[in-house]
């Protein structure tokens, strides 16, 4: 068992991060995507396991309230795709796609 990275946990009984998708190229190259709670919403979460520890990968904030990754594909090292949705101020959902190479 490997402990997960949980940037949403602050000791105040807030919900923890949710991982919705994972992709592993090897035991030392694992990616996971999802969300972590923020006050009044959530932010996208992308993390990488290097065989020893998780590192959070910065993702752009698209909207003020809810941002979530629901899917992840890592076809090769350095080719990361994450997809999900973001809620606008008007309450409409918009698709978001992140590609890092």
Protein backbone atom coordinates (compact mmCIF):
# COMPACT_ATOMS: atom_id res chain seq x y z
CA UNK A 1 0.00 0.00 0.00
CA UNK A 2 1.25 3.46 -0.94
CA UNK A 3 0.00 6.53 0.97
CA UNK A 4 -1.59 9.09 -1.34
CA UNK A 5 -0.95 12.80 -1.63
CA UNK A 6 -3.86 14.77 -0.18
CA UNK A 7 -3.57 18.55 -0.69
CA UNK A 8 -7.18 19.14 0.40
CA UNK A 9 -6.65 17.79 3.93
CA UNK A 10 -5.86 20.58 6.39
CA UNK A 11 -6.77 19.04 9.74
CA UNK A 12 -10.22 20.65 9.81
CA UNK A 13 -12.28 17.56 8.92
CA UNK A 14 -12.64 18.61 5.31
CA UNK A 15 -13.11 15.84 2.78
CA UNK A 16 -9.96 14.47 1.28
CA UNK A 17 -8.83 14.29 -2.32
CA UNK A 18 -10.61 11.98 -4.74
CA UNK A 19 -8.68 10.11 -7.40
CA UNK A 20 -10.91 9.28 -10.35
CA UNK A 21 -8.38 7.82 -12.79
CA UNK A 22 -4.93 6.25 -12.77
CA UNK A 23 -2.39 5.27 -15.41
CA UNK A 24 0.80 3.32 -14.73
CA UNK A 25 3.66 2.95 -17.17
CA UNK A 26 5.88 1.20 -14.62
CA UNK A 27 6.15 0.81 -10.81
CA UNK A 28 8.09 4.09 -10.76
CA UNK A 29 6.00 6.04 -13.28
CA UNK A 30 2.36 6.24 -12.12
CA UNK A 31 -0.06 9.09 -12.71
CA UNK A 32 -3.39 9.78 -10.98
CA UNK A 33 -6.00 12.47 -11.59
CA UNK A 34 -9.09 13.70 -9.78
CA UNK A 35 -9.98 16.60 -7.51
CA UNK A 36 -9.38 18.03 -4.09
CA UNK A 37 -11.77 20.20 -2.10
CA UNK A 38 -11.37 23.90 -1.67
CA UNK A 39 -13.60 26.21 0.32
CA UNK A 40 -16.80 26.37 -1.73
CA UNK A 41 -15.64 24.11 -4.54
CA UNK A 42 -12.92 21.84 -5.85
CA UNK A 43 -9.75 22.02 -7.90
CA UNK A 44 -8.30 19.61 -10.44
CA UNK A 45 -5.63 17.29 -9.10
CA UNK A 46 -2.82 15.63 -11.06
CA UNK A 47 -0.14 13.68 -9.20
CA UNK A 48 2.87 11.59 -10.19
CA UNK A 49 4.45 8.63 -8.33
CA UNK A 50 8.19 8.27 -8.98
CA UNK A 51 8.59 5.01 -7.09
CA UNK A 52 9.21 6.71 -3.73
CA UNK A 53 6.77 9.58 -3.31
CA UNK A 54 3.85 11.43 -4.88
CA UNK A 55 4.41 14.87 -6.39
CA UNK A 56 1.57 17.22 -7.21
CA UNK A 57 1.73 18.58 -10.77
CA UNK A 58 0.40 22.14 -11.16
CA UNK A 59 -2.78 22.43 -13.23
CA UNK A 60 -4.40 25.64 -14.44
CA UNK A 61 -7.58 26.75 -12.65
CA UNK A 62 -10.28 27.20 -15.25
CA UNK A 63 -13.17 28.47 -13.11
CA UNK A 64 -13.80 29.63 -9.56
CA UNK A 65 -15.98 26.82 -8.27
CA UNK A 66 -15.75 23.19 -9.40
CA UNK A 67 -12.91 21.80 -11.50
CA UNK A 68 -12.47 18.03 -11.76
CA UNK A 69 -10.54 15.51 -13.81
CA UNK A 70 -12.58 12.36 -14.56
CA UNK A 71 -10.24 10.59 -16.96
CA UNK A 72 -6.53 10.17 -17.56
CA UNK A 73 -4.39 8.65 -20.30
CA UNK A 74 -0.61 8.41 -20.31
CA UNK A 75 0.34 6.64 -23.54
CA UNK A 76 4.06 7.21 -22.97
CA UNK A 77 6.38 8.97 -20.55
CA UNK A 78 5.97 12.71 -20.96
CA UNK A 79 2.62 12.46 -22.80
CA UNK A 80 -0.10 13.08 -20.20
CA UNK A 81 -3.76 13.71 -21.04
CA UNK A 82 -6.43 14.54 -18.43
CA UNK A 83 -10.08 15.31 -19.17
CA UNK A 84 -12.92 16.49 -16.99
CA UNK A 85 -15.25 19.36 -16.38
CA UNK A 86 -15.53 22.79 -14.85
CA UNK A 87 -18.60 24.60 -13.58
CA UNK A 88 -19.01 28.19 -14.72
CA UNK A 89 -20.33 30.96 -12.49
CA UNK A 90 -23.69 30.55 -14.29
CA UNK A 91 -23.82 26.89 -13.21
CA UNK A 92 -23.12 25.35 -16.62
CA UNK A 93 -20.56 22.56 -17.04
CA UNK A 94 -17.81 22.92 -19.61
CA UNK A 95 -15.37 20.25 -20.74
CA UNK A 96 -11.71 20.72 -19.86
CA UNK A 97 -8.72 18.97 -21.44
CA UNK A 98 -5.15 19.13 -20.19
CA UNK A 99 -2.18 17.90 -22.23
CA UNK A 100 1.34 17.97 -20.84
CA UNK A 101 4.28 16.81 -22.85
